[in-house]
Amino acid sequence: IQSKKKGSVGLTCQLSDASEVTKYEWVHATYDLNSTKSEGPILKEQTIYPEYGGEWTCQYYGKEGFLGNVTTQVLTQLMSSQSGQKPSNKGVVIGLSVLL
């Protein structure tokens, strides 16, 4: 994750061998009260904001179509306005590595 501008983070999908990859897409997953997963919209830019923390999947494609994906958690910390402190936005990616 790289900080793009205040309050946002950038997502980067780096593969050990990306020689056949022609396109990447980031998809945000959400879960309802029954733990049913649904995929949100595809991220057009690689910048996300704290309210979009959670599970993100990098899907990568080649000339022949879908090659694979890797899923990671983006953890954000937003301080409560009740604490009297200014909000603090932090992003962390855990375990984002794939061997092709």
Protein backbone atom coordinates (compact mmCIF):
# COMPACT_ATOMS: atom_id res chain seq x y z
CA ILE A 1 0.00 0.00 0.00
CA GLN A 2 1.20 3.46 -0.85
CA SER A 3 -0.24 6.71 0.44
CA LYS A 4 -1.68 8.68 -2.50
CA LYS A 5 -3.12 11.74 -0.78
CA LYS A 6 -4.26 12.56 2.73
CA GLY A 7 -6.82 10.03 3.91
CA SER A 8 -6.32 7.58 1.04
CA VAL A 9 -4.12 4.63 0.15
CA GLY A 10 -3.09 3.12 -3.17
CA LEU A 11 -3.27 -0.59 -3.97
CA THR A 12 -0.57 -2.30 -6.02
CA CYS A 13 -0.62 -5.91 -7.19
CA GLN A 14 2.94 -7.18 -7.62
CA LEU A 15 3.47 -10.72 -8.88
CA SER A 16 6.75 -12.62 -8.94
CA ASP A 17 6.23 -13.32 -12.67
CA ALA A 18 3.88 -10.92 -14.41
CA SER A 19 5.21 -11.56 -17.92
CA GLU A 20 1.84 -12.87 -19.19
CA VAL A 21 -0.33 -10.35 -17.32
CA THR A 22 -2.02 -7.73 -19.50
CA LYS A 23 -4.56 -6.31 -17.05
CA TYR A 24 -5.22 -6.03 -13.30
CA GLU A 25 -8.50 -5.27 -11.51
CA TRP A 26 -9.21 -4.66 -7.83
CA VAL A 27 -12.56 -5.89 -6.47
CA HIS A 28 -13.92 -5.03 -3.00
CA ALA A 29 -15.77 -7.79 -1.13
CA THR A 30 -18.48 -7.14 1.45
CA TYR A 31 -20.32 -9.49 3.79
CA ASP A 32 -23.89 -9.30 5.08
CA LEU A 33 -25.14 -10.35 8.54
CA ASN A 34 -25.31 -14.00 7.39
CA SER A 35 -21.65 -13.87 6.29
CA THR A 36 -22.69 -14.08 2.64
CA LYS A 37 -20.00 -12.60 0.44
CA SER A 38 -20.80 -10.23 -2.39
CA GLU A 39 -18.34 -8.49 -4.64
CA GLY A 40 -18.52 -4.76 -4.96
CA PRO A 41 -17.67 -2.70 -7.99
CA ILE A 42 -14.35 -3.03 -9.75
CA LEU A 43 -11.90 -0.34 -8.71
CA LYS A 44 -11.14 1.87 -11.70
CA GLU A 45 -8.31 3.70 -9.93
CA GLN A 46 -5.91 2.20 -7.45
CA THR A 47 -6.81 4.68 -4.72
CA ILE A 48 -9.12 3.77 -1.85
CA TYR A 49 -10.36 5.68 1.18
CA PRO A 50 -10.69 4.48 4.81
CA GLU A 51 -14.39 3.67 4.50
CA TYR A 52 -13.45 1.02 1.93
CA GLY A 53 -11.24 -1.03 4.20
CA GLY A 54 -11.78 -4.78 4.30
CA GLU A 55 -11.25 -7.54 1.79
CA TRP A 56 -9.82 -6.67 -1.62
CA THR A 57 -9.01 -9.08 -4.45
CA CYS A 58 -6.52 -8.38 -7.20
CA GLN A 59 -7.66 -10.24 -10.31
CA TYR A 60 -5.17 -10.51 -13.14
CA TYR A 61 -5.71 -11.37 -16.79
CA GLY A 62 -3.64 -12.34 -19.82
CA LYS A 63 -4.30 -12.49 -23.55
CA GLU A 64 -6.34 -15.69 -23.09
CA GLY A 65 -8.43 -14.27 -20.22
CA PHE A 66 -8.43 -14.80 -16.43
CA LEU A 67 -5.11 -16.01 -14.98
CA GLY A 68 -5.68 -15.82 -11.22
CA ASN A 69 -6.24 -13.67 -8.17
CA VAL A 70 -4.91 -12.84 -4.74
CA THR A 71 -6.98 -11.58 -1.81
CA THR A 72 -5.79 -9.33 0.98
CA GLN A 73 -7.20 -7.40 3.92
CA VAL A 74 -6.88 -3.63 4.05
CA LEU A 75 -7.19 -2.57 7.67
CA THR A 76 -8.20 1.00 8.39
CA GLN A 77 -8.33 2.80 11.70
CA LEU A 78 -10.73 5.66 12.14
CA MET A 79 -10.72 7.34 15.53
CA SER A 80 -14.14 8.00 17.00
CA SER A 81 -15.21 11.62 16.92
CA GLN A 82 -16.38 11.13 20.51
CA SER A 83 -12.78 10.75 21.69
CA GLY A 84 -12.08 14.38 20.88
CA GLN A 85 -9.16 13.47 18.61
CA LYS A 86 -8.84 14.12 14.92
CA PRO A 87 -9.52 11.07 12.74
CA SER A 88 -6.45 9.02 11.95
CA ASN A 89 -6.44 7.14 8.65
CA LYS A 90 -4.04 4.24 8.34
CA GLY A 91 -3.89 1.38 5.87
CA VAL A 92 -2.10 -1.94 6.11
CA VAL A 93 -1.91 -4.80 3.63
CA ILE A 94 -1.38 -8.27 5.02
CA GLY A 95 0.04 -11.10 2.90
CA LEU A 96 0.03 -9.94 -0.70
CA SER A 97 2.38 -12.24 -2.57
CA VAL A 98 1.76 -14.77 -5.30
CA LEU A 99 4.10 -17.11 -7.12
CA LEU A 100 3.09 -17.96 -10.69
